[in-house]
Amino acid sequence: MSFDLQGRGTTVGREVRGGITTFLTMGYILVANPTILSAAGVPFEAAAAATAAAAAICTLLMGVGANFPVALAPGMGLNAVVAFHVVGQTGSWQAAMGLVVLNGVVVLALVMAGVREAVMHAIPLDLRRAISVGIGLFIAFIGLVNARIVVVPTGSLAALTANPLATVPPVTHGSLQAAEPLLAVAALLIIAVLLARRVAGALVIGIAAATAASLVLGISHWPVGDWLRLPRFETLFQADVRAALDVRLLPLLLSIVMVDFFDTLGTVTAIAETGQLHDSEGRVPRLRSVLAIDSISAVIGGAFGVSSVTSYVESAAGVAEGARTGLHNVVVAALFAACMFAAPLVTVVPAAASAAALIIVGFLMCQQIVRMNFAAIDTAVPGFLILLLTPLTFSISHGIGYGFIAYVAIKLLRGRPRDVQPMMYGAAALFAAYFWLG
């Protein structure tokens, strides 16, 4: 396949650097996903191998099928919902994965009907920019938390345990006396200086330097035991779709569909804005293919027993390194495939190292804010809610939802209902019902 490197103003070197950077910022999923799913009874080693396999296959599909530089893997957040909530209601992790398969089928049907694409095109341009900025703030916030520069106060946890309605500070500053925050700050400065000097591969160099320092300082360690081992795949094709068809599970299915539907719209919007991968009208080329492959990936994730596979906003790190095509995905997919045999090596990269890259990527994505028209209150206030609530609710879907509802409400109260496209009315109504029903 031709990735049209010249047409998109990129090179093989940029795509490779971008792919390595994306993999390093999202490689944590190889440990996090099986750890979360094992709490629900999913075999850990099998989940680790299947996570790497699903990420490799789906990322490659996106690269070859849509030529869009977004990598995929089991989604954080949704995997926890599956493990700690859905499994309890379905009775087994196999039935829960069956529900994930159904979710992918439903969303794929919406893509084929043109609904998902129509919703994205119905979003006003400034709200799309707000989504990009909001996700940028979200990514930076995740980086700050992973680096322990921002922490949850222990006093707040104790107060909320005693009184869930207590008003307490949700987060506070960490301590620079600890090694992890210092390492993250050092990596952040290295990357910032390299970016200022326009050094190619700044993010990769920063992550590599922080990883080397962490090994010297004893923050991270080489894996104990064998670094290479044959993967186990006991979770493959264990999803119980028949059990998931129970009508009593319909509310669960609808909630998963809502999150999956709008999280991906937000991620694709953010990646397209960051890499200028859209036309003059803000439309993403081959959008339907991107959304269809993302939906098929959810089915693959459920079939592999690793929760819903979805587009990763950490791909913005690779785009920040210059990646613009699906060749970036080929690199990411190859690295995930290798991790089926060498997953322990991923643990060498400390959270503080990738955290610095996430903070910088968040900064780069926030540059879109200068293109928003804050004088147009109809879109400025909903846009502000999106960029504010996406990180504060720790949810892309919730940030988008509050912004959509505010946009529609303001237009109606101003007596300008024709300014709103029908799909925006539908999306706002769905979000309102979703929030109201919990």
Protein backbone atom coordinates (compact mmCIF):
# COMPACT_ATOMS: atom_id res chain seq x y z
CA MET A 1 0.00 0.00 0.00
CA SER A 2 1.14 3.56 -0.71
CA PHE A 3 1.03 5.71 2.43
CA ASP A 4 1.43 8.95 0.41
CA LEU A 5 4.36 10.15 2.52
CA GLN A 6 5.21 12.97 0.12
CA GLY A 7 1.62 14.13 -0.18
CA ARG A 8 1.33 14.46 3.59
CA GLY A 9 4.70 16.14 4.01
CA THR A 10 6.42 13.40 5.98
CA THR A 11 9.30 10.92 5.67
CA VAL A 12 10.01 7.33 6.62
CA GLY A 13 12.24 8.59 9.47
CA ARG A 14 9.48 10.74 10.94
CA GLU A 15 6.97 7.91 10.73
CA VAL A 16 9.36 5.51 12.48
CA ARG A 17 10.18 8.03 15.22
CA GLY A 18 6.49 8.78 15.62
CA GLY A 19 5.63 5.09 15.86
CA ILE A 20 8.27 4.47 18.53
CA THR A 21 7.10 7.49 20.51
CA THR A 22 3.44 6.44 20.37
CA PHE A 23 4.33 2.93 21.48
CA LEU A 24 6.40 4.18 24.42
CA THR A 25 3.59 6.46 25.64
CA MET A 26 0.92 3.74 25.46
CA GLY A 27 3.02 0.66 26.27
CA TYR A 28 1.77 0.79 29.86
CA ILE A 29 -1.43 -0.92 28.65
CA LEU A 30 0.50 -4.20 28.32
CA VAL A 31 0.77 -4.31 32.11
CA ALA A 32 -2.24 -2.25 33.18
CA ASN A 33 -4.88 -4.11 31.14
CA PRO A 34 -4.10 -7.67 32.31
CA THR A 35 -3.71 -6.39 35.87
CA ILE A 36 -7.20 -4.87 35.81
CA LEU A 37 -8.84 -7.78 34.00
CA SER A 38 -7.22 -10.38 36.25
CA ALA A 39 -9.29 -8.97 39.12
CA ALA A 40 -12.35 -10.25 37.23
CA GLY A 41 -10.88 -13.72 36.73
CA VAL A 42 -9.20 -13.28 33.33
CA PRO A 43 -5.88 -15.21 33.32
CA PHE A 44 -3.08 -12.63 33.63
CA GLU A 45 -0.47 -14.08 31.23
CA ALA A 46 -3.07 -14.88 28.60
CA ALA A 47 -4.56 -11.38 28.93
CA ALA A 48 -1.09 -9.84 28.53
CA ALA A 49 -0.39 -11.78 25.33
CA ALA A 50 -3.88 -11.13 23.93
CA THR A 51 -3.59 -7.41 24.75
CA ALA A 52 -0.40 -7.19 22.68
CA ALA A 53 -1.91 -9.27 19.86
CA ALA A 54 -5.15 -7.25 19.71
CA ALA A 55 -3.26 -3.94 19.78
CA ALA A 56 -0.93 -5.11 16.98
CA ILE A 57 -3.73 -6.39 14.72
CA CYS A 58 -6.06 -3.42 15.18
CA THR A 59 -3.30 -0.82 14.87
CA LEU A 60 -2.12 -2.46 11.66
CA LEU A 61 -5.69 -2.54 10.31
CA MET A 62 -6.02 1.19 10.94
CA GLY A 63 -2.72 1.95 9.25
CA VAL A 64 -3.30 -0.16 6.16
CA GLY A 65 -7.07 0.29 5.89
CA ALA A 66 -7.41 4.01 6.69
CA ASN A 67 -3.86 5.44 6.45
CA PHE A 68 -4.51 7.41 9.62
CA PRO A 69 -1.83 7.72 12.36
CA VAL A 70 -3.82 6.57 15.37
CA ALA A 71 -2.84 3.42 17.26
CA LEU A 72 -5.34 1.20 19.03
CA ALA A 73 -5.33 -0.95 22.17
CA PRO A 74 -7.77 -2.00 24.91
CA GLY A 75 -9.18 1.20 26.36
CA MET A 76 -8.29 2.31 29.86
CA GLY A 77 -11.38 3.18 31.85
CA LEU A 78 -13.66 0.90 29.90
CA ASN A 79 -11.55 -2.11 30.92
CA ALA A 80 -12.08 -1.14 34.57
CA VAL A 81 -15.83 -0.79 33.98
CA VAL A 82 -15.86 -4.25 32.42
CA ALA A 83 -13.78 -5.80 35.21
CA PHE A 84 -15.38 -4.19 38.25
CA HIS A 85 -18.94 -3.51 37.11
CA VAL A 86 -20.03 -5.41 34.02
CA VAL A 87 -18.65 -8.79 35.13
CA GLY A 88 -20.62 -8.51 38.37
CA GLN A 89 -23.86 -8.07 36.44
CA THR A 90 -23.24 -10.57 33.65
CA GLY A 91 -21.95 -13.28 35.97
CA SER A 92 -18.73 -14.08 34.12
CA TRP A 93 -15.92 -12.35 32.27
CA GLN A 94 -16.85 -14.37 29.17
CA ALA A 95 -20.36 -12.85 29.13
CA ALA A 96 -18.88 -9.40 29.76
CA MET A 97 -16.65 -9.83 26.71
CA GLY A 98 -19.72 -10.92 24.77
CA LEU A 99 -21.25 -7.56 25.66
CA VAL A 100 -18.11 -5.84 24.34
CA VAL A 101 -18.48 -7.74 21.05
CA LEU A 102 -22.12 -6.60 20.77
CA ASN A 103 -21.01 -3.03 21.46
CA GLY A 104 -18.63 -3.18 18.51
CA VAL A 105 -21.33 -4.61 16.26
CA VAL A 106 -23.80 -1.87 17.23
CA VAL A 107 -21.28 0.93 16.70
CA LEU A 108 -20.19 -0.61 13.38
CA ALA A 109 -23.83 -0.62 12.26
CA LEU A 110 -24.06 3.09 13.15
CA VAL A 111 -20.92 3.74 11.09
CA MET A 112 -22.28 1.85 8.09
CA ALA A 113 -25.53 3.81 8.37
CA GLY A 114 -23.49 7.02 8.29
CA VAL A 115 -24.61 8.11 11.78
CA ARG A 116 -21.18 8.29 13.40
CA GLU A 117 -19.70 10.21 10.48
CA ALA A 118 -22.70 12.55 10.30
CA VAL A 119 -22.38 13.41 14.00
CA MET A 120 -18.72 14.33 13.55
CA HIS A 121 -19.48 16.56 10.57
CA ALA A 122 -22.33 18.22 12.50
CA ILE A 123 -20.01 19.44 15.25
CA PRO A 124 -19.23 23.17 14.83
CA LEU A 125 -15.59 23.88 14.00
CA ASP A 126 -14.85 25.71 17.26
CA LEU A 127 -16.27 22.83 19.28
CA ARG A 128 -13.98 20.44 17.39
CA ARG A 129 -11.04 22.67 18.30
CA ALA A 130 -12.24 22.72 21.90
CA ILE A 131 -12.32 18.92 21.91
CA SER A 132 -8.70 18.88 20.75
CA VAL A 133 -7.64 21.35 23.44
CA GLY A 134 -9.67 19.56 26.12
CA ILE A 135 -8.02 16.25 25.26
CA GLY A 136 -4.65 18.00 25.27
CA LEU A 137 -5.31 19.19 28.83
CA PHE A 138 -6.53 15.68 29.67
CA ILE A 139 -3.31 14.11 28.35
CA ALA A 140 -1.18 16.64 30.25
CA PHE A 141 -3.17 15.97 33.42
CA ILE A 142 -2.62 12.22 33.04
CA GLY A 143 1.09 12.89 32.62
CA LEU A 144 1.20 15.04 35.76
CA VAL A 145 -0.61 12.35 37.76
CA ASN A 146 1.62 9.56 36.41
CA ALA A 147 4.68 11.63 37.34
CA ARG A 148 3.22 12.22 40.81
CA ILE A 149 3.60 15.95 40.32
CA VAL A 150 -0.15 16.03 40.98
CA VAL A 151 -1.48 13.68 43.66
CA VAL A 152 -4.71 12.97 45.52
CA PRO A 153 -4.39 14.29 49.09
CA THR A 154 -4.50 11.52 51.68
CA GLY A 155 -6.59 13.80 53.90
CA SER A 156 -9.19 14.10 51.16
CA LEU A 157 -9.46 10.33 50.84
CA ALA A 158 -9.97 9.98 54.58
CA ALA A 159 -12.55 12.78 54.66
CA LEU A 160 -14.51 11.35 51.74
CA THR A 161 -14.48 7.91 53.33
CA ALA A 162 -16.06 9.38 56.45
CA ASN A 163 -18.42 11.71 54.56
CA PRO A 164 -18.90 11.23 50.78
CA LEU A 165 -20.49 14.71 50.57
CA ALA A 166 -17.53 16.50 52.16
CA THR A 167 -15.98 19.39 50.21
CA VAL A 168 -12.26 18.68 50.00
CA PRO A 169 -9.47 19.43 47.51
CA PRO A 170 -9.53 16.59 44.94
CA VAL A 171 -5.86 16.98 43.99
CA THR A 172 -2.77 18.75 45.25
CA HIS A 173 0.93 19.04 44.47
CA GLY A 174 3.36 16.19 44.88
CA SER A 175 6.78 16.40 46.46
CA LEU A 176 9.92 17.08 44.45
CA GLN A 177 11.83 15.28 47.18
CA ALA A 178 10.64 12.04 45.56
CA ALA A 179 12.61 10.56 42.66
CA GLU A 180 9.73 10.12 40.17
CA PRO A 181 8.63 13.79 39.99
CA LEU A 182 12.25 14.93 39.67
CA LEU A 183 12.85 12.45 36.86
CA ALA A 184 9.71 13.64 35.06
CA VAL A 185 10.71 17.30 35.40
CA ALA A 186 14.20 16.53 34.07
CA ALA A 187 12.76 14.62 31.10
CA LEU A 188 10.29 17.46 30.48
CA LEU A 189 13.10 20.01 30.34
CA ILE A 190 15.18 17.83 28.03
CA ILE A 191 12.29 17.42 25.60
CA ALA A 192 11.40 21.13 25.76
CA VAL A 193 14.98 22.22 25.02
CA LEU A 194 15.27 19.73 22.14
CA LEU A 195 11.94 20.94 20.71
CA ALA A 196 13.11 24.56 20.98
CA ARG A 197 16.26 23.60 19.07
CA ARG A 198 14.09 21.70 16.55
CA VAL A 199 15.96 18.45 17.18
CA ALA A 200 14.31 15.50 15.44
CA GLY A 201 13.14 12.76 17.79
CA ALA A 202 12.94 15.02 20.85
CA LEU A 203 10.25 12.92 22.55
CA VAL A 204 12.05 9.63 21.94
CA ILE A 205 15.34 11.07 23.19
CA GLY A 206 13.67 12.44 26.32
CA ILE A 207 11.99 9.13 27.13
CA ALA A 208 15.20 7.17 26.47
CA ALA A 209 17.27 9.51 28.67
CA ALA A 210 14.76 9.30 31.53
CA THR A 211 14.63 5.50 31.23
CA ALA A 212 18.43 5.24 31.37
CA ALA A 213 18.51 7.53 34.40
CA SER A 214 15.79 5.52 36.13
CA LEU A 215 17.81 2.33 35.72
CA VAL A 216 20.92 4.02 37.16
CA LEU A 217 18.95 5.50 40.08
CA GLY A 218 17.09 2.26 40.81
CA ILE A 219 13.65 3.71 40.01
CA SER A 220 13.09 0.98 37.42
CA HIS A 221 14.79 -2.37 37.01
CA TRP A 222 15.49 -4.92 34.32
CA PRO A 223 12.91 -7.74 34.40
CA VAL A 224 13.57 -10.66 36.70
CA GLY A 225 13.56 -14.06 34.99
CA ASP A 226 13.13 -14.74 31.31
CA TRP A 227 12.73 -11.71 29.07
CA LEU A 228 11.35 -13.84 26.25
CA ARG A 229 8.63 -16.46 26.49
CA LEU A 230 6.01 -18.07 24.29
CA PRO A 231 2.64 -16.31 24.59
CA ARG A 232 -0.50 -17.99 25.94
CA PHE A 233 -3.86 -17.29 24.34
CA GLU A 234 -6.48 -18.96 26.56
CA THR A 235 -8.74 -15.91 26.39
CA LEU A 236 -9.17 -15.98 22.61
CA PHE A 237 -12.73 -16.55 21.36
CA GLN A 238 -14.11 -17.16 24.84
CA ALA A 239 -16.63 -14.30 24.61
CA ASP A 240 -20.14 -15.52 25.41
CA VAL A 241 -22.30 -13.48 23.05
CA ARG A 242 -25.40 -15.60 23.72
CA ALA A 243 -25.31 -14.74 27.44
CA ALA A 244 -24.78 -11.07 26.57
CA LEU A 245 -28.03 -11.04 24.56
CA ASP A 246 -30.03 -11.10 27.81
CA VAL A 247 -32.46 -8.15 27.58
CA ARG A 248 -31.70 -7.25 31.21
CA LEU A 249 -28.19 -6.26 30.11
CA LEU A 250 -29.46 -3.71 27.56
CA PRO A 251 -28.79 -0.66 29.82
CA LEU A 252 -25.19 -1.84 30.25
CA LEU A 253 -24.79 -2.27 26.51
CA LEU A 254 -26.15 1.21 25.77
CA SER A 255 -23.80 2.84 28.27
CA ILE A 256 -20.78 1.07 26.75
CA VAL A 257 -21.90 2.13 23.26
CA MET A 258 -22.20 5.78 24.34
CA VAL A 259 -18.69 5.87 25.76
CA ASP A 260 -17.16 4.03 22.81
CA PHE A 261 -19.02 6.14 20.24
CA PHE A 262 -18.00 9.56 21.51
CA ASP A 263 -14.55 8.78 22.94
CA THR A 264 -13.37 7.81 19.47
CA LEU A 265 -14.94 10.88 17.85
CA GLY A 266 -13.01 13.00 20.33
CA THR A 267 -9.75 11.15 19.76
CA VAL A 268 -9.97 11.27 15.95
CA THR A 269 -10.85 14.98 16.11
CA ALA A 270 -7.86 15.69 18.35
CA ILE A 271 -5.40 13.74 16.19
CA ALA A 272 -6.69 15.38 13.00
CA GLU A 273 -6.40 18.88 14.50
CA THR A 274 -2.92 18.23 15.91
CA GLY A 275 -1.55 16.88 12.63
CA GLN A 276 -3.62 19.13 10.34
CA LEU A 277 -5.04 15.95 8.80
CA HIS A 278 -8.23 17.49 7.47
CA ASP A 279 -9.39 19.50 4.50
CA SER A 280 -10.30 23.19 4.37
CA GLU A 281 -13.77 22.40 5.78
CA GLY A 282 -12.35 20.47 8.72
CA ARG A 283 -13.30 17.05 7.30
CA VAL A 284 -11.02 14.08 7.94
CA PRO A 285 -10.18 12.08 4.78
CA ARG A 286 -11.42 8.47 4.83
CA LEU A 287 -13.27 9.18 8.07
CA ARG A 288 -15.73 6.35 7.55
CA SER A 289 -12.88 3.85 7.20
CA VAL A 290 -11.27 5.19 10.39
CA LEU A 291 -14.52 4.86 12.36
CA ALA A 292 -15.38 1.46 10.86
CA ILE A 293 -11.98 -0.01 11.75
CA ASP A 294 -12.28 1.41 15.27
CA SER A 295 -15.67 -0.34 15.60
CA ILE A 296 -14.32 -3.64 14.23
CA SER A 297 -11.48 -3.32 16.76
CA ALA A 298 -14.02 -3.31 19.59
CA VAL A 299 -15.33 -6.64 18.29
CA ILE A 300 -11.77 -7.98 18.10
CA GLY A 301 -11.05 -6.85 21.65
CA GLY A 302 -14.10 -8.65 23.00
CA ALA A 303 -13.32 -11.78 20.95
CA PHE A 304 -9.75 -11.76 22.28
CA GLY A 305 -11.00 -11.36 25.87
CA VAL A 306 -9.21 -8.06 26.54
CA SER A 307 -12.10 -5.53 26.63
CA SER A 308 -12.92 -3.02 23.91
CA VAL A 309 -9.99 -2.04 21.67
CA THR A 310 -10.20 1.63 20.77
CA SER A 311 -8.23 4.53 19.31
CA TYR A 312 -5.60 5.91 21.67
CA VAL A 313 -5.21 9.63 22.13
CA GLU A 314 -1.57 8.98 23.10
CA SER A 315 -1.07 8.66 19.35
CA ALA A 316 -0.82 12.45 19.45
CA ALA A 317 2.71 11.91 20.78
CA GLY A 318 3.67 10.23 17.51
CA VAL A 319 1.92 12.93 15.51
CA ALA A 320 3.89 15.53 17.48
CA GLU A 321 7.04 13.75 16.28
CA GLY A 322 5.91 14.25 12.69
CA ALA A 323 3.92 11.08 11.92
CA ARG A 324 1.13 11.69 9.41
CA THR A 325 0.35 8.33 7.81
CA GLY A 326 -0.45 4.69 8.46
CA LEU A 327 3.25 3.80 8.25
CA HIS A 328 3.38 5.09 11.84
CA ASN A 329 0.86 2.34 12.68
CA VAL A 330 2.96 -0.35 11.04
CA VAL A 331 5.82 0.55 13.41
CA VAL A 332 3.55 0.58 16.48
CA ALA A 333 1.97 -2.73 15.44
CA ALA A 334 5.38 -4.37 15.00
CA LEU A 335 6.43 -3.29 18.49
CA PHE A 336 3.20 -4.59 20.03
CA ALA A 337 3.61 -7.87 18.16
CA ALA A 338 7.14 -8.24 19.53
CA CYS A 339 5.75 -7.71 23.03
CA MET A 340 3.72 -10.90 22.75
CA PHE A 341 7.09 -12.55 23.38
CA ALA A 342 8.87 -9.83 25.39
CA ALA A 343 6.21 -8.04 27.42
CA PRO A 344 8.41 -7.84 30.58
CA LEU A 345 10.77 -5.41 28.82
CA VAL A 346 8.04 -2.77 28.62
CA THR A 347 8.14 -2.42 32.41
CA VAL A 348 11.65 -0.97 32.15
CA VAL A 349 10.25 2.37 30.92
CA PRO A 350 9.12 4.20 34.07
CA ALA A 351 5.82 6.06 34.23
CA ALA A 352 7.74 9.29 34.88
CA ALA A 353 9.53 9.01 31.51
CA SER A 354 6.39 8.66 29.40
CA ALA A 355 4.64 11.20 31.66
CA ALA A 356 6.97 13.96 30.50
CA ALA A 357 6.15 13.16 26.87
CA LEU A 358 2.42 13.27 27.63
CA ILE A 359 2.74 16.71 29.24
CA ILE A 360 4.58 18.07 26.20
CA VAL A 361 2.04 16.52 23.82
CA GLY A 362 -0.74 18.11 25.85
CA PHE A 363 0.98 21.46 25.42
CA LEU A 364 1.26 20.98 21.66
CA MET A 365 -2.43 20.06 21.38
CA CYS A 366 -3.46 23.11 23.41
CA GLN A 367 -2.03 25.39 20.73
CA GLN A 368 -5.36 24.97 18.93
CA ILE A 369 -6.96 27.24 21.54
CA VAL A 370 -5.67 30.35 19.74
CA ARG A 371 -7.82 29.43 16.73
CA MET A 372 -11.04 29.45 18.77
CA ASN A 373 -13.27 32.51 18.50
CA PHE A 374 -14.02 33.44 22.11
CA ALA A 375 -16.07 36.44 20.97
CA ALA A 376 -18.74 34.06 19.62
CA ILE A 377 -20.39 33.21 22.94
CA ASP A 378 -22.74 30.60 21.41
CA THR A 379 -19.78 28.32 20.73
CA ALA A 380 -17.21 29.82 23.11
CA VAL A 381 -19.03 28.88 26.33
CA PRO A 382 -19.77 25.27 25.24
CA GLY A 383 -16.18 25.03 23.96
CA PHE A 384 -14.86 26.26 27.29
CA LEU A 385 -16.93 23.62 29.10
CA ILE A 386 -15.46 20.93 26.86
CA LEU A 387 -11.85 21.94 27.40
CA LEU A 388 -12.41 22.42 31.15
CA LEU A 389 -14.51 19.34 31.96
CA THR A 390 -12.65 16.80 29.82
CA PRO A 391 -9.66 16.71 32.21
CA LEU A 392 -11.61 17.48 35.39
CA THR A 393 -14.13 14.66 34.88
CA PHE A 394 -11.32 12.41 33.61
CA SER A 395 -13.61 11.50 30.73
CA ILE A 396 -13.57 12.55 27.08
CA SER A 397 -17.23 11.58 26.68
CA HIS A 398 -18.39 13.65 29.65
CA GLY A 399 -16.46 16.70 28.50
CA ILE A 400 -17.98 16.45 25.03
CA GLY A 401 -21.43 15.76 26.43
CA TYR A 402 -21.64 18.84 28.63
CA GLY A 403 -20.38 21.00 25.77
CA PHE A 404 -22.96 19.61 23.33
CA ILE A 405 -25.83 20.09 25.77
CA ALA A 406 -24.74 23.67 26.50
CA TYR A 407 -24.41 24.48 22.79
CA VAL A 408 -27.91 23.25 21.95
CA ALA A 409 -29.45 24.90 25.04
CA ILE A 410 -27.88 28.29 24.26
CA LYS A 411 -29.06 28.19 20.65
CA LEU A 412 -32.61 27.31 21.70
CA LEU A 413 -32.74 29.96 24.42
CA ARG A 414 -31.52 32.54 21.91
CA GLY A 415 -34.32 31.57 19.54
CA ARG A 416 -31.94 30.26 16.87
CA PRO A 417 -32.88 26.55 16.60
CA ARG A 418 -32.04 26.40 12.87
CA ASP A 419 -28.37 27.06 13.63
CA VAL A 420 -28.14 23.56 15.11
CA GLN A 421 -27.86 20.53 12.85
CA PRO A 422 -30.25 17.62 13.57
CA MET A 423 -27.41 15.29 14.56
CA MET A 424 -26.34 17.74 17.27
CA TYR A 425 -29.87 17.70 18.69
CA GLY A 426 -29.78 13.93 18.74
CA ALA A 427 -26.33 13.78 20.34
CA ALA A 428 -27.25 16.34 23.02
CA ALA A 429 -30.47 14.46 23.81
CA LEU A 430 -28.59 11.17 24.16
CA PHE A 431 -26.03 12.76 26.47
CA ALA A 432 -28.77 14.34 28.58
CA ALA A 433 -30.48 10.95 28.98
CA TYR A 434 -27.15 9.25 29.66
CA PHE A 435 -26.22 11.72 32.41
CA TRP A 436 -29.70 11.72 33.93
CA LEU A 437 -30.00 7.93 34.05
CA GLY A 438 -26.42 7.50 35.25
